[in-house]
Amino acid sequence: MAYGKTSFVCLPCRASYKQPLPGMGRDERLCPRCARPLVHVGSAFAAPRRRDTAAWRTLSVLLHAGVRFHKSCCGGPGYRPRSLSEVRERMTYARRTGQPFSEALVLRELP
């Protein structure tokens, strides 16, 4: 029986790897390039190109805030900011309203 795979990311290397789901025998995953721990990002993740540093910076902010890319029932992971300017807008909104930063990041439109 084949097991499903999900995405893991190494931020310093700017690399993404598909590996078996956590809990299938191996929970700690290491990057094959630098041997640092990989971050589990979810099965609905699409990695940016390695040379797109702005997209990787944006991804780093999302992951450090606890935002992941898991599939929901029908429409994928939902909205995720794609640029640093969108992240800055949501940071400002979160500070102004007192809403948690991780929740403000996934709002499709700001009120």
C-alpha atoms as a PDB file:
ATOM      1  CA  MET A   1       0.000   0.000   0.000  1.00  0.00           C
ATOM      2  CA  ALA A   2       1.399   3.391  -1.008  1.00  0.00           C
ATOM      3  CA  TYR A   3       1.328   6.199   1.533  1.00  0.00           C
ATOM      4  CA  GLY A   4       0.522   9.814   0.697  1.00  0.00           C
ATOM      5  CA  LYS A   5       3.255  12.401   0.515  1.00  0.00           C
ATOM      6  CA  THR A   6       3.394  15.971   1.697  1.00  0.00           C
ATOM      7  CA  SER A   7       5.795  18.882   1.255  1.00  0.00           C
ATOM      8  CA  PHE A   8       8.711  19.806   3.471  1.00  0.00           C
ATOM      9  CA  VAL A   9      10.864  22.916   3.016  1.00  0.00           C
ATOM     10  CA  CYS A  10      14.414  23.940   3.862  1.00  0.00           C
ATOM     11  CA  LEU A  11      14.399  27.741   4.077  1.00  0.00           C
ATOM     12  CA  PRO A  12      18.208  28.292   4.057  1.00  0.00           C
ATOM     13  CA  CYS A  13      18.607  26.122   0.912  1.00  0.00           C
ATOM     14  CA  ARG A  14      15.343  27.356  -0.653  1.00  0.00           C
ATOM     15  CA  ALA A  15      14.385  23.778  -1.492  1.00  0.00           C
ATOM     16  CA  SER A  16      11.171  21.765  -1.272  1.00  0.00           C
ATOM     17  CA  TYR A  17      10.876  17.994  -0.894  1.00  0.00           C
ATOM     18  CA  LYS A  18       7.921  15.603  -1.078  1.00  0.00           C
ATOM     19  CA  GLN A  19       8.150  12.978   1.651  1.00  0.00           C
ATOM     20  CA  PRO A  20       5.803  10.544   3.407  1.00  0.00           C
ATOM     21  CA  LEU A  21       3.388  12.028   5.904  1.00  0.00           C
ATOM     22  CA  PRO A  22       4.677  12.618   9.461  1.00  0.00           C
ATOM     23  CA  GLY A  23       4.013   9.760  11.825  1.00  0.00           C
ATOM     24  CA  MET A  24       4.892   7.092   9.265  1.00  0.00           C
ATOM     25  CA  GLY A  25       8.053   6.140  11.137  1.00  0.00           C
ATOM     26  CA  ARG A  26      10.098   9.316  10.653  1.00  0.00           C
ATOM     27  CA  ASP A  27       9.076  12.560  12.319  1.00  0.00           C
ATOM     28  CA  GLU A  28      12.339  14.534  12.199  1.00  0.00           C
ATOM     29  CA  ARG A  29      13.291  15.258   8.581  1.00  0.00           C
ATOM     30  CA  LEU A  30      16.690  16.652   7.624  1.00  0.00           C
ATOM     31  CA  CYS A  31      17.642  18.546   4.482  1.00  0.00           C
ATOM     32  CA  PRO A  32      19.796  16.416   2.161  1.00  0.00           C
ATOM     33  CA  ARG A  33      21.894  19.489   1.288  1.00  0.00           C
ATOM     34  CA  CYS A  34      22.631  21.155   4.637  1.00  0.00           C
ATOM     35  CA  ALA A  35      21.381  18.598   7.230  1.00  0.00           C
ATOM     36  CA  ARG A  36      19.185  21.202   8.978  1.00  0.00           C
ATOM     37  CA  PRO A  37      15.640  20.264  10.027  1.00  0.00           C
ATOM     38  CA  LEU A  38      12.945  20.549   7.351  1.00  0.00           C
ATOM     39  CA  VAL A  39       9.670  22.401   7.989  1.00  0.00           C
ATOM     40  CA  HIS A  40       6.426  20.545   7.263  1.00  0.00           C
ATOM     41  CA  VAL A  41       4.378  22.927   5.061  1.00  0.00           C
ATOM     42  CA  GLY A  42       1.477  20.722   3.910  1.00  0.00           C
ATOM     43  CA  SER A  43       0.310  18.892   0.830  1.00  0.00           C
ATOM     44  CA  ALA A  44      -1.169  21.932  -0.978  1.00  0.00           C
ATOM     45  CA  PHE A  45       2.185  23.754  -1.154  1.00  0.00           C
ATOM     46  CA  ALA A  46       3.698  25.000  -4.414  1.00  0.00           C
ATOM     47  CA  ALA A  47       7.318  26.072  -4.004  1.00  0.00           C
ATOM     48  CA  PRO A  48       8.565  29.301  -5.574  1.00  0.00           C
ATOM     49  CA  ARG A  49      11.582  29.226  -7.855  1.00  0.00           C
ATOM     50  CA  ARG A  50      14.880  29.026  -5.989  1.00  0.00           C
ATOM     51  CA  ARG A  51      16.116  32.361  -7.371  1.00  0.00           C
ATOM     52  CA  ASP A  52      12.922  34.229  -6.334  1.00  0.00           C
ATOM     53  CA  THR A  53      14.271  35.587  -3.046  1.00  0.00           C
ATOM     54  CA  ALA A  54      11.265  37.841  -2.370  1.00  0.00           C
ATOM     55  CA  ALA A  55       8.867  34.880  -2.565  1.00  0.00           C
ATOM     56  CA  TRP A  56      11.071  32.831  -0.225  1.00  0.00           C
ATOM     57  CA  ARG A  57      11.225  35.761   2.217  1.00  0.00           C
ATOM     58  CA  THR A  58       7.424  35.946   2.148  1.00  0.00           C
ATOM     59  CA  LEU A  59       7.215  32.178   2.683  1.00  0.00           C
ATOM     60  CA  SER A  60       9.616  32.444   5.624  1.00  0.00           C
ATOM     61  CA  VAL A  61       7.380  35.045   7.306  1.00  0.00           C
ATOM     62  CA  LEU A  62       4.320  32.835   6.773  1.00  0.00           C
ATOM     63  CA  LEU A  63       5.992  29.714   8.167  1.00  0.00           C
ATOM     64  CA  HIS A  64       7.440  31.523  11.197  1.00  0.00           C
ATOM     65  CA  ALA A  65       3.932  32.853  11.943  1.00  0.00           C
ATOM     66  CA  GLY A  66       2.588  29.291  11.931  1.00  0.00           C
ATOM     67  CA  VAL A  67       0.737  29.436   8.594  1.00  0.00           C
ATOM     68  CA  ARG A  68       0.789  26.155   6.649  1.00  0.00           C
ATOM     69  CA  PHE A  69      -0.565  24.912   3.321  1.00  0.00           C
ATOM     70  CA  HIS A  70      -2.879  22.047   4.245  1.00  0.00           C
ATOM     71  CA  LYS A  71      -5.848  21.216   2.045  1.00  0.00           C
ATOM     72  CA  SER A  72      -9.280  22.133   3.306  1.00  0.00           C
ATOM     73  CA  CYS A  73     -12.349  20.154   2.294  1.00  0.00           C
ATOM     74  CA  CYS A  74     -12.964  21.755  -1.104  1.00  0.00           C
ATOM     75  CA  GLY A  75     -10.714  24.603  -2.093  1.00  0.00           C
ATOM     76  CA  GLY A  76      -7.118  23.966  -1.148  1.00  0.00           C
ATOM     77  CA  PRO A  77      -5.360  25.857   1.641  1.00  0.00           C
ATOM     78  CA  GLY A  78      -7.196  29.156   1.158  1.00  0.00           C
ATOM     79  CA  TYR A  79      -5.614  32.548   0.646  1.00  0.00           C
ATOM     80  CA  ARG A  80      -1.923  33.092   1.352  1.00  0.00           C
ATOM     81  CA  PRO A  81      -0.024  36.388   0.708  1.00  0.00           C
ATOM     82  CA  ARG A  82       2.336  36.194  -2.251  1.00  0.00           C
ATOM     83  CA  SER A  83       4.394  39.347  -1.740  1.00  0.00           C
ATOM     84  CA  LEU A  84       6.082  41.213   1.076  1.00  0.00           C
ATOM     85  CA  SER A  85       3.808  44.216   0.510  1.00  0.00           C
ATOM     86  CA  GLU A  86       0.749  42.029   1.194  1.00  0.00           C
ATOM     87  CA  VAL A  87       2.437  40.738   4.351  1.00  0.00           C
ATOM     88  CA  ARG A  88       3.191  44.315   5.486  1.00  0.00           C
ATOM     89  CA  GLU A  89      -0.447  45.343   4.922  1.00  0.00           C
ATOM     90  CA  ARG A  90      -1.649  42.445   7.031  1.00  0.00           C
ATOM     91  CA  MET A  91       0.925  43.157   9.761  1.00  0.00           C
ATOM     92  CA  THR A  92      -0.324  46.743   9.968  1.00  0.00           C
ATOM     93  CA  TYR A  93      -3.936  45.543  10.096  1.00  0.00           C
ATOM     94  CA  ALA A  94      -3.112  43.048  12.864  1.00  0.00           C
ATOM     95  CA  ARG A  95      -1.369  45.710  14.953  1.00  0.00           C
ATOM     96  CA  ARG A  96      -4.223  48.187  14.463  1.00  0.00           C
ATOM     97  CA  THR A  97      -7.027  45.755  15.317  1.00  0.00           C
ATOM     98  CA  GLY A  98      -5.302  43.492  17.827  1.00  0.00           C
ATOM     99  CA  GLN A  99      -6.056  40.414  15.709  1.00  0.00           C
ATOM    100  CA  PRO A 100      -3.430  37.634  15.898  1.00  0.00           C
ATOM    101  CA  PHE A 101      -0.828  37.956  13.148  1.00  0.00           C
ATOM    102  CA  SER A 102      -1.348  34.381  11.878  1.00  0.00           C
ATOM    103  CA  GLU A 103      -5.089  35.054  11.405  1.00  0.00           C
ATOM    104  CA  ALA A 104      -4.525  38.396   9.664  1.00  0.00           C
ATOM    105  CA  LEU A 105      -2.147  36.760   7.186  1.00  0.00           C
ATOM    106  CA  VAL A 106      -4.781  34.413   5.791  1.00  0.00           C
ATOM    107  CA  LEU A 107      -7.546  36.992   5.259  1.00  0.00           C
ATOM    108  CA  ARG A 108      -8.399  37.204   1.554  1.00  0.00           C
ATOM    109  CA  GLU A 109      -9.382  40.880   1.776  1.00  0.00           C
ATOM    110  CA  LEU A 110      -8.767  43.338   4.548  1.00  0.00           C
ATOM    111  CA  PRO A 111     -11.876  45.104   5.857  1.00  0.00           C
END
